[in-house]
PDB file of all heavy atoms in Angstrom:
ATOM      1  N   HIS A   1       0.828  -1.208   0.000  1.00  0.00           N
ATOM      2  CA  HIS A   1       0.000   0.000   0.000  1.00  0.00           C
ATOM      3  C   HIS A   1       0.862   1.258   0.000  1.00  0.00           C
ATOM      4  O   HIS A   1       0.426   2.320  -0.419  1.00  0.00           O
ATOM      5  CB  HIS A   1      -0.942   0.023   1.207  1.00  0.00           C
ATOM      6  CG  HIS A   1      -1.951  -1.070   1.168  1.00  0.00           C
ATOM      7  ND1 HIS A   1      -2.990  -1.087   0.266  1.00  0.00           N
ATOM      8  CD2 HIS A   1      -2.069  -2.200   1.903  1.00  0.00           C
ATOM      9  CE1 HIS A   1      -3.710  -2.177   0.448  1.00  0.00           C
ATOM     10  NE2 HIS A   1      -3.172  -2.871   1.438  1.00  0.00           N
ATOM     11  N   SER A   2       2.092   1.117   0.516  1.00  0.00           N
ATOM     12  CA  SER A   2       2.987   2.264   0.578  1.00  0.00           C
ATOM     13  C   SER A   2       4.425   1.807   0.329  1.00  0.00           C
ATOM     14  O   SER A   2       4.729   0.613   0.395  1.00  0.00           O
ATOM     15  CB  SER A   2       2.885   2.952   1.943  1.00  0.00           C
ATOM     16  OG  SER A   2       3.304   2.069   2.964  1.00  0.00           O
ATOM     17  N   VAL A   3       5.279   2.776   0.031  1.00  0.00           N
ATOM     18  CA  VAL A   3       6.715   2.528  -0.129  1.00  0.00           C
ATOM     19  C   VAL A   3       7.454   3.569   0.695  1.00  0.00           C
ATOM     20  O   VAL A   3       6.988   4.694   0.862  1.00  0.00           O
ATOM     21  CB  VAL A   3       7.171   2.579  -1.606  1.00  0.00           C
ATOM     22  CG1 VAL A   3       6.567   1.437  -2.399  1.00  0.00           C
ATOM     23  CG2 VAL A   3       6.858   3.918  -2.253  1.00  0.00           C
ATOM     24  N   ARG A   4       8.590   3.177   1.211  1.00  0.00           N
ATOM     25  CA  ARG A   4       9.476   4.108   1.919  1.00  0.00           C
ATOM     26  C   ARG A   4      10.605   4.446   0.967  1.00  0.00           C
ATOM     27  O   ARG A   4      11.262   3.559   0.428  1.00  0.00           O
ATOM     28  CB  ARG A   4      10.026   3.465   3.189  1.00  0.00           C
ATOM     29  CG  ARG A   4      10.828   4.403   4.046  1.00  0.00           C
ATOM     30  CD  ARG A   4       9.913   5.311   4.798  1.00  0.00           C
ATOM     31  NE  ARG A   4      10.650   6.137   5.736  1.00  0.00           N
ATOM     32  CZ  ARG A   4      10.107   7.160   6.347  1.00  0.00           C
ATOM     33  NH1 ARG A   4       8.853   7.481   6.120  1.00  0.00           N
ATOM     34  NH2 ARG A   4      10.806   7.882   7.183  1.00  0.00           N
ATOM     35  N   VAL A   5      10.819   5.726   0.725  1.00  0.00           N
ATOM     36  CA  VAL A   5      11.830   6.209  -0.209  1.00  0.00           C
ATOM     37  C   VAL A   5      12.943   6.851   0.615  1.00  0.00           C
ATOM     38  O   VAL A   5      12.676   7.667   1.501  1.00  0.00           O
ATOM     39  CB  VAL A   5      11.194   7.235  -1.175  1.00  0.00           C
ATOM     40  CG1 VAL A   5      12.229   7.856  -2.066  1.00  0.00           C
ATOM     41  CG2 VAL A   5      10.090   6.579  -1.985  1.00  0.00           C
ATOM     42  N   ILE A   6      14.189   6.482   0.323  1.00  0.00           N
ATOM     43  CA  ILE A   6      15.323   6.943   1.120  1.00  0.00           C
ATOM     44  C   ILE A   6      16.421   7.450   0.193  1.00  0.00           C
ATOM     45  O   ILE A   6      16.752   6.805  -0.807  1.00  0.00           O
ATOM     46  CB  ILE A   6      15.893   5.789   1.980  1.00  0.00           C
ATOM     47  CG1 ILE A   6      14.802   5.208   2.874  1.00  0.00           C
ATOM     48  CG2 ILE A   6      17.106   6.258   2.788  1.00  0.00           C
ATOM     49  CD1 ILE A   6      15.110   3.816   3.404  1.00  0.00           C
ATOM     50  N   ALA A   7      16.986   8.585   0.541  1.00  0.00           N
ATOM     51  CA  ALA A   7      18.201   9.091  -0.111  1.00  0.00           C
ATOM     52  C   ALA A   7      19.197   9.344   1.008  1.00  0.00           C
ATOM     53  O   ALA A   7      18.852   9.930   2.041  1.00  0.00           O
ATOM     54  CB  ALA A   7      17.922  10.373  -0.877  1.00  0.00           C
ATOM     55  N   GLU A   8      20.410   8.871   0.813  1.00  0.00           N
ATOM     56  CA  GLU A   8      21.414   9.051   1.862  1.00  0.00           C
ATOM     57  C   GLU A   8      22.814   9.047   1.281  1.00  0.00           C
ATOM     58  O   GLU A   8      23.032   8.609   0.152  1.00  0.00           O
ATOM     59  CB  GLU A   8      21.282   7.956   2.921  1.00  0.00           C
ATOM     60  CG  GLU A   8      21.528   6.559   2.398  1.00  0.00           C
ATOM     61  CD  GLU A   8      21.224   5.480   3.430  1.00  0.00           C
ATOM     62  OE1 GLU A   8      21.208   5.781   4.644  1.00  0.00           O
ATOM     63  OE2 GLU A   8      20.999   4.337   3.027  1.00  0.00           O
ATOM     64  N   GLN A   9      23.719   9.560   2.065  1.00  0.00           N
ATOM     65  CA  GLN A   9      25.136   9.479   1.758  1.00  0.00           C
ATOM     66  C   GLN A   9      25.757   8.595   2.833  1.00  0.00           C
ATOM     67  O   GLN A   9      26.122   9.086   3.893  1.00  0.00           O
ATOM     68  CB  GLN A   9      25.786  10.863   1.793  1.00  0.00           C
ATOM     69  CG  GLN A   9      25.707  11.618   0.512  1.00  0.00           C
ATOM     70  CD  GLN A   9      26.514  12.900   0.594  1.00  0.00           C
ATOM     71  OE1 GLN A   9      25.956  13.932   0.894  1.00  0.00           O
ATOM     72  NE2 GLN A   9      27.806  12.803   0.347  1.00  0.00           N
ATOM     73  N   PRO A  10      25.882   7.297   2.577  1.00  0.00           N
ATOM     74  CA  PRO A  10      26.425   6.412   3.615  1.00  0.00           C
ATOM     75  C   PRO A  10      27.906   6.680   3.888  1.00  0.00           C
ATOM     76  O   PRO A  10      28.399   6.362   4.959  1.00  0.00           O
ATOM     77  CB  PRO A  10      26.202   5.013   3.056  1.00  0.00           C
ATOM     78  CG  PRO A  10      26.064   5.204   1.581  1.00  0.00           C
ATOM     79  CD  PRO A  10      25.499   6.576   1.375  1.00  0.00           C
ATOM     80  N   THR A  11      28.588   7.272   2.923  1.00  0.00           N
ATOM     81  CA  THR A  11      29.977   7.719   3.061  1.00  0.00           C
ATOM     82  C   THR A  11      30.080   9.041   2.291  1.00  0.00           C
ATOM     83  O   THR A  11      29.215   9.340   1.458  1.00  0.00           O
ATOM     84  CB  THR A  11      30.981   6.688   2.487  1.00  0.00           C
ATOM     85  OG1 THR A  11      30.737   6.531   1.090  1.00  0.00           O
ATOM     86  CG2 THR A  11      30.867   5.338   3.180  1.00  0.00           C
ATOM     87  N   PRO A  12      31.114   9.818   2.524  1.00  0.00           N
ATOM     88  CA  PRO A  12      31.202  11.120   1.852  1.00  0.00           C
ATOM     89  C   PRO A  12      31.253  11.030   0.326  1.00  0.00           C
ATOM     90  O   PRO A  12      30.885  11.978  -0.359  1.00  0.00           O
ATOM     91  CB  PRO A  12      32.503  11.726   2.381  1.00  0.00           C
ATOM     92  CG  PRO A  12      32.856  10.962   3.589  1.00  0.00           C
ATOM     93  CD  PRO A  12      32.220   9.613   3.464  1.00  0.00           C
ATOM     94  N   ASP A  13      31.667   9.883  -0.204  1.00  0.00           N
ATOM     95  CA  ASP A  13      31.840   9.764  -1.659  1.00  0.00           C
ATOM     96  C   ASP A  13      30.760   8.936  -2.349  1.00  0.00           C
ATOM     97  O   ASP A  13      30.881   8.596  -3.517  1.00  0.00           O
ATOM     98  CB  ASP A  13      33.211   9.171  -1.970  1.00  0.00           C
ATOM     99  CG  ASP A  13      33.373   7.745  -1.459  1.00  0.00           C
ATOM    100  OD1 ASP A  13      32.607   7.325  -0.567  1.00  0.00           O
ATOM    101  OD2 ASP A  13      34.279   7.046  -1.959  1.00  0.00           O
ATOM    102  N   ARG A  14      29.658   8.627  -1.648  1.00  0.00           N
ATOM    103  CA  ARG A  14      28.598   7.803  -2.242  1.00  0.00           C
ATOM    104  C   ARG A  14      27.228   8.417  -1.998  1.00  0.00           C
ATOM    105  O   ARG A  14      26.950   8.955  -0.932  1.00  0.00           O
ATOM    106  CB  ARG A  14      28.587   6.396  -1.655  1.00  0.00           C
ATOM    107  CG  ARG A  14      29.777   5.581  -2.065  1.00  0.00           C
ATOM    108  CD  ARG A  14      29.504   4.096  -1.870  1.00  0.00           C
ATOM    109  NE  ARG A  14      30.517   3.356  -2.587  1.00  0.00           N
ATOM    110  CZ  ARG A  14      30.413   2.957  -3.840  1.00  0.00           C
ATOM    111  NH1 ARG A  14      29.318   3.169  -4.512  1.00  0.00           N
ATOM    112  NH2 ARG A  14      31.386   2.299  -4.427  1.00  0.00           N
ATOM    113  N   LEU A  15      26.372   8.260  -2.994  1.00  0.00           N
ATOM    114  CA  LEU A  15      24.954   8.591  -2.871  1.00  0.00           C
ATOM    115  C   LEU A  15      24.186   7.290  -3.057  1.00  0.00           C
ATOM    116  O   LEU A  15      24.417   6.566  -4.028  1.00  0.00           O
ATOM    117  CB  LEU A  15      24.527   9.599  -3.942  1.00  0.00           C
ATOM    118  CG  LEU A  15      23.024   9.892  -4.012  1.00  0.00           C
ATOM    119  CD1 LEU A  15      22.543  10.567  -2.725  1.00  0.00           C
ATOM    120  CD2 LEU A  15      22.709  10.754  -5.227  1.00  0.00           C
ATOM    121  N   ARG A  16      23.313   7.009  -2.113  1.00  0.00           N
ATOM    122  CA  ARG A  16      22.489   5.798  -2.182  1.00  0.00           C
ATOM    123  C   ARG A  16      21.025   6.204  -2.200  1.00  0.00           C
ATOM    124  O   ARG A  16      20.599   7.033  -1.403  1.00  0.00           O
ATOM    125  CB  ARG A  16      22.745   4.893  -0.986  1.00  0.00           C
ATOM    126  CG  ARG A  16      21.806   3.681  -0.943  1.00  0.00           C
ATOM    127  CD  ARG A  16      22.018   2.855   0.293  1.00  0.00           C
ATOM    128  NE  ARG A  16      23.079   1.905   0.025  1.00  0.00           N
ATOM    129  CZ  ARG A  16      23.100   0.675   0.503  1.00  0.00           C
ATOM    130  NH1 ARG A  16      22.151   0.236   1.288  1.00  0.00           N
ATOM    131  NH2 ARG A  16      24.091  -0.128   0.203  1.00  0.00           N
ATOM    132  N   VAL A  17      20.278   5.618  -3.123  1.00  0.00           N
ATOM    133  CA  VAL A  17      18.827   5.771  -3.143  1.00  0.00           C
ATOM    134  C   VAL A  17      18.236   4.387  -2.912  1.00  0.00           C
ATOM    135  O   VAL A  17      18.795   3.383  -3.366  1.00  0.00           O
ATOM    136  CB  VAL A  17      18.316   6.402  -4.458  1.00  0.00           C
ATOM    137  CG1 VAL A  17      18.843   7.813  -4.611  1.00  0.00           C
ATOM    138  CG2 VAL A  17      18.666   5.565  -5.665  1.00  0.00           C
ATOM    139  N   ALA A  18      17.135   4.346  -2.185  1.00  0.00           N
ATOM    140  CA  ALA A  18      16.530   3.052  -1.858  1.00  0.00           C
ATOM    141  C   ALA A  18      15.020   3.192  -1.760  1.00  0.00           C
ATOM    142  O   ALA A  18      14.500   4.268  -1.453  1.00  0.00           O
ATOM    143  CB  ALA A  18      17.089   2.530  -0.528  1.00  0.00           C
ATOM    144  N   VAL A  19      14.358   2.080  -2.035  1.00  0.00           N
ATOM    145  CA  VAL A  19      12.908   2.005  -1.910  1.00  0.00           C
ATOM    146  C   VAL A  19      12.580   0.724  -1.153  1.00  0.00           C
ATOM    147  O   VAL A  19      13.058  -0.350  -1.511  1.00  0.00           O
ATOM    148  CB  VAL A  19      12.217   2.008  -3.292  1.00  0.00           C
ATOM    149  CG1 VAL A  19      10.713   1.892  -3.137  1.00  0.00           C
ATOM    150  CG2 VAL A  19      12.590   3.257  -4.071  1.00  0.00           C
ATOM    151  N   VAL A  20      11.781   0.867  -0.111  1.00  0.00           N
ATOM    152  CA  VAL A  20      11.395  -0.270   0.716  1.00  0.00           C
ATOM    153  C   VAL A  20       9.908  -0.523   0.517  1.00  0.00           C
ATOM    154  O   VAL A  20       9.098   0.406   0.559  1.00  0.00           O
ATOM    155  CB  VAL A  20      11.684   0.027   2.208  1.00  0.00           C
ATOM    156  CG1 VAL A  20      11.265  -1.146   3.081  1.00  0.00           C
ATOM    157  CG2 VAL A  20      13.155   0.370   2.417  1.00  0.00           C
ATOM    158  N   ASP A  21       9.563  -1.797   0.273  1.00  0.00           N
ATOM    159  CA  ASP A  21       8.157  -2.183   0.221  1.00  0.00           C
ATOM    160  C   ASP A  21       7.952  -3.384   1.129  1.00  0.00           C
ATOM    161  O   ASP A  21       8.912  -3.955   1.639  1.00  0.00           O
ATOM    162  CB  ASP A  21       7.679  -2.441  -1.218  1.00  0.00           C
ATOM    163  CG  ASP A  21       8.346  -3.620  -1.889  1.00  0.00           C
ATOM    164  OD1 ASP A  21       8.365  -4.721  -1.289  1.00  0.00           O
ATOM    165  OD2 ASP A  21       8.842  -3.455  -3.010  1.00  0.00           O
ATOM    166  N   LYS A  22       6.706  -3.757   1.342  1.00  0.00           N
ATOM    167  CA  LYS A  22       6.380  -4.806   2.308  1.00  0.00           C
ATOM    168  C   LYS A  22       6.167  -6.168   1.668  1.00  0.00           C
ATOM    169  O   LYS A  22       5.547  -7.035   2.262  1.00  0.00           O
ATOM    170  CB  LYS A  22       5.151  -4.395   3.108  1.00  0.00           C
ATOM    171  CG  LYS A  22       5.419  -3.186   3.979  1.00  0.00           C
ATOM    172  CD  LYS A  22       4.215  -2.797   4.781  1.00  0.00           C
ATOM    173  CE  LYS A  22       4.545  -1.575   5.614  1.00  0.00           C
ATOM    174  NZ  LYS A  22       3.407  -1.098   6.369  1.00  0.00           N
ATOM    175  N   SER A  23       6.715  -6.356   0.474  1.00  0.00           N
ATOM    176  CA  SER A  23       6.542  -7.632  -0.208  1.00  0.00           C
ATOM    177  C   SER A  23       7.877  -8.344  -0.351  1.00  0.00           C
ATOM    178  O   SER A  23       8.876  -7.742  -0.715  1.00  0.00           O
ATOM    179  CB  SER A  23       5.948  -7.395  -1.605  1.00  0.00           C
ATOM    180  OG  SER A  23       5.920  -8.610  -2.317  1.00  0.00           O
ATOM    181  N   ARG A  24       7.869  -9.634  -0.077  1.00  0.00           N
ATOM    182  CA  ARG A  24       9.056 -10.456  -0.328  1.00  0.00           C
ATOM    183  C   ARG A  24       8.886 -11.234  -1.626  1.00  0.00           C
ATOM    184  O   ARG A  24       9.753 -12.010  -2.001  1.00  0.00           O
ATOM    185  CB  ARG A  24       9.292 -11.399   0.849  1.00  0.00           C
ATOM    186  CG  ARG A  24       9.715 -10.643   2.101  1.00  0.00           C
ATOM    187  CD  ARG A  24       9.871 -11.567   3.287  1.00  0.00           C
ATOM    188  NE  ARG A  24      10.853 -12.601   3.052  1.00  0.00           N
ATOM    189  CZ  ARG A  24      12.059 -12.638   3.610  1.00  0.00           C
ATOM    190  NH1 ARG A  24      12.432 -11.676   4.413  1.00  0.00           N
ATOM    191  NH2 ARG A  24      12.870 -13.633   3.370  1.00  0.00           N
ATOM    192  N   ARG A  25       7.756 -11.026  -2.293  1.00  0.00           N
ATOM    193  CA  ARG A  25       7.511 -11.664  -3.583  1.00  0.00           C
ATOM    194  C   ARG A  25       8.131 -10.803  -4.674  1.00  0.00           C
ATOM    195  O   ARG A  25       8.441  -9.649  -4.462  1.00  0.00           O
ATOM    196  CB  ARG A  25       6.017 -11.800  -3.855  1.00  0.00           C
ATOM    197  CG  ARG A  25       5.280 -12.651  -2.858  1.00  0.00           C
ATOM    198  CD  ARG A  25       3.841 -12.838  -3.243  1.00  0.00           C
ATOM    199  NE  ARG A  25       3.161 -11.524  -3.295  1.00  0.00           N
ATOM    200  CZ  ARG A  25       1.982 -11.346  -3.827  1.00  0.00           C
ATOM    201  NH1 ARG A  25       1.330 -12.338  -4.375  1.00  0.00           N
ATOM    202  NH2 ARG A  25       1.423 -10.153  -3.819  1.00  0.00           N
ATOM    203  N   CYS A  26       8.274 -11.376  -5.821  1.00  0.00           N
ATOM    204  CA  CYS A  26       8.690 -10.649  -7.019  1.00  0.00           C
ATOM    205  C   CYS A  26       9.991  -9.883  -6.802  1.00  0.00           C
ATOM    206  O   CYS A  26      10.024  -8.663  -6.834  1.00  0.00           O
ATOM    207  CB  CYS A  26       7.576  -9.723  -7.482  1.00  0.00           C
ATOM    208  SG  CYS A  26       7.755  -9.254  -9.211  1.00  0.00           S
ATOM    209  N   MET A  27      11.056 -10.627  -6.566  1.00  0.00           N
ATOM    210  CA  MET A  27      12.363 -10.007  -6.368  1.00  0.00           C
ATOM    211  C   MET A  27      12.867  -9.436  -7.697  1.00  0.00           C
ATOM    212  O   MET A  27      12.693 -10.047  -8.748  1.00  0.00           O
ATOM    213  CB  MET A  27      13.354 -11.050  -5.841  1.00  0.00           C
ATOM    214  CG  MET A  27      12.968 -11.615  -4.483  1.00  0.00           C
ATOM    215  SD  MET A  27      12.882 -10.369  -3.192  1.00  0.00           S
ATOM    216  CE  MET A  27      14.591  -9.953  -3.054  1.00  0.00           C
ATOM    217  N   PRO A  28      13.485  -8.266  -7.661  1.00  0.00           N
ATOM    218  CA  PRO A  28      13.987  -7.656  -8.900  1.00  0.00           C
ATOM    219  C   PRO A  28      15.057  -8.515  -9.566  1.00  0.00           C
ATOM    220  O   PRO A  28      15.963  -9.019  -8.903  1.00  0.00           O
ATOM    221  CB  PRO A  28      14.590  -6.337  -8.432  1.00  0.00           C
ATOM    222  CG  PRO A  28      14.039  -6.101  -7.074  1.00  0.00           C
ATOM    223  CD  PRO A  28      13.718  -7.438  -6.500  1.00  0.00           C
ATOM    224  N   GLU A  29      14.919  -8.693 -10.858  1.00  0.00           N
ATOM    225  CA  GLU A  29      15.896  -9.440 -11.651  1.00  0.00           C
ATOM    226  C   GLU A  29      16.194  -8.651 -12.911  1.00  0.00           C
ATOM    227  O   GLU A  29      15.288  -8.089 -13.527  1.00  0.00           O
ATOM    228  CB  GLU A  29      15.348 -10.808 -12.039  1.00  0.00           C
ATOM    229  CG  GLU A  29      15.181 -11.770 -10.890  1.00  0.00           C
ATOM    230  CD  GLU A  29      14.676 -13.114 -11.377  1.00  0.00           C
ATOM    231  OE1 GLU A  29      15.120 -13.579 -12.443  1.00  0.00           O
ATOM    232  OE2 GLU A  29      13.818 -13.681 -10.683  1.00  0.00           O
ATOM    233  N   LEU A  30      17.439  -8.645 -13.292  1.00  0.00           N
ATOM    234  CA  LEU A  30      17.866  -7.948 -14.502  1.00  0.00           C
ATOM    235  C   LEU A  30      17.500  -8.783 -15.721  1.00  0.00           C
ATOM    236  O   LEU A  30      17.923  -9.926 -15.862  1.00  0.00           O
ATOM    237  CB  LEU A  30      19.382  -7.720 -14.448  1.00  0.00           C
ATOM    238  CG  LEU A  30      19.994  -6.876 -15.538  1.00  0.00           C
ATOM    239  CD1 LEU A  30      19.429  -5.473 -15.549  1.00  0.00           C
ATOM    240  CD2 LEU A  30      21.502  -6.816 -15.354  1.00  0.00           C
ATOM    241  N   HIS A  31      16.644  -8.223 -16.570  1.00  0.00           N
ATOM    242  CA  HIS A  31      16.237  -8.869 -17.821  1.00  0.00           C
ATOM    243  C   HIS A  31      16.519  -7.901 -18.961  1.00  0.00           C
ATOM    244  O   HIS A  31      16.426  -6.693 -18.793  1.00  0.00           O
ATOM    245  CB  HIS A  31      14.729  -9.180 -17.826  1.00  0.00           C
ATOM    246  CG  HIS A  31      14.306 -10.167 -16.799  1.00  0.00           C
ATOM    247  ND1 HIS A  31      14.542 -11.508 -16.909  1.00  0.00           N
ATOM    248  CD2 HIS A  31      13.657  -9.996 -15.626  1.00  0.00           C
ATOM    249  CE1 HIS A  31      14.053 -12.126 -15.848  1.00  0.00           C
ATOM    250  NE2 HIS A  31      13.512 -11.228 -15.049  1.00  0.00           N
ATOM    251  N   HIS A  32      16.836  -8.447 -20.106  1.00  0.00           N
ATOM    252  CA  HIS A  32      17.028  -7.611 -21.288  1.00  0.00           C
ATOM    253  C   HIS A  32      15.792  -7.752 -22.166  1.00  0.00           C
ATOM    254  O   HIS A  32      15.547  -8.808 -22.746  1.00  0.00           O
ATOM    255  CB  HIS A  32      18.310  -8.001 -22.030  1.00  0.00           C
ATOM    256  CG  HIS A  32      19.525  -7.708 -21.214  1.00  0.00           C
ATOM    257  ND1 HIS A  32      20.052  -6.434 -21.100  1.00  0.00           N
ATOM    258  CD2 HIS A  32      20.299  -8.502 -20.437  1.00  0.00           C
ATOM    259  CE1 HIS A  32      21.091  -6.471 -20.301  1.00  0.00           C
ATOM    260  NE2 HIS A  32      21.270  -7.701 -19.876  1.00  0.00           N
ATOM    261  N   ALA A  33      14.997  -6.678 -22.215  1.00  0.00           N
ATOM    262  CA  ALA A  33      13.749  -6.683 -22.978  1.00  0.00           C
ATOM    263  C   ALA A  33      14.058  -6.592 -24.467  1.00  0.00           C
ATOM    264  O   ALA A  33      15.032  -5.957 -24.883  1.00  0.00           O
ATOM    265  CB  ALA A  33      12.881  -5.511 -22.553  1.00  0.00           C
ATOM    266  N   GLY A  34      13.216  -7.214 -25.256  1.00  0.00           N
ATOM    267  CA  GLY A  34      13.350  -7.140 -26.704  1.00  0.00           C
ATOM    268  C   GLY A  34      13.017  -5.745 -27.205  1.00  0.00           C
ATOM    269  O   GLY A  34      12.430  -4.925 -26.481  1.00  0.00           O
TER     270      GLY A  34
END
């Protein structure tokens, strides 16, 4: 129903963006679309 969106600098030289949802289904996989 909702997502948590996060932007952070875990170290001075990195930017991390993240999205948290409440589902353990449908894990992201890299696919090459036609």
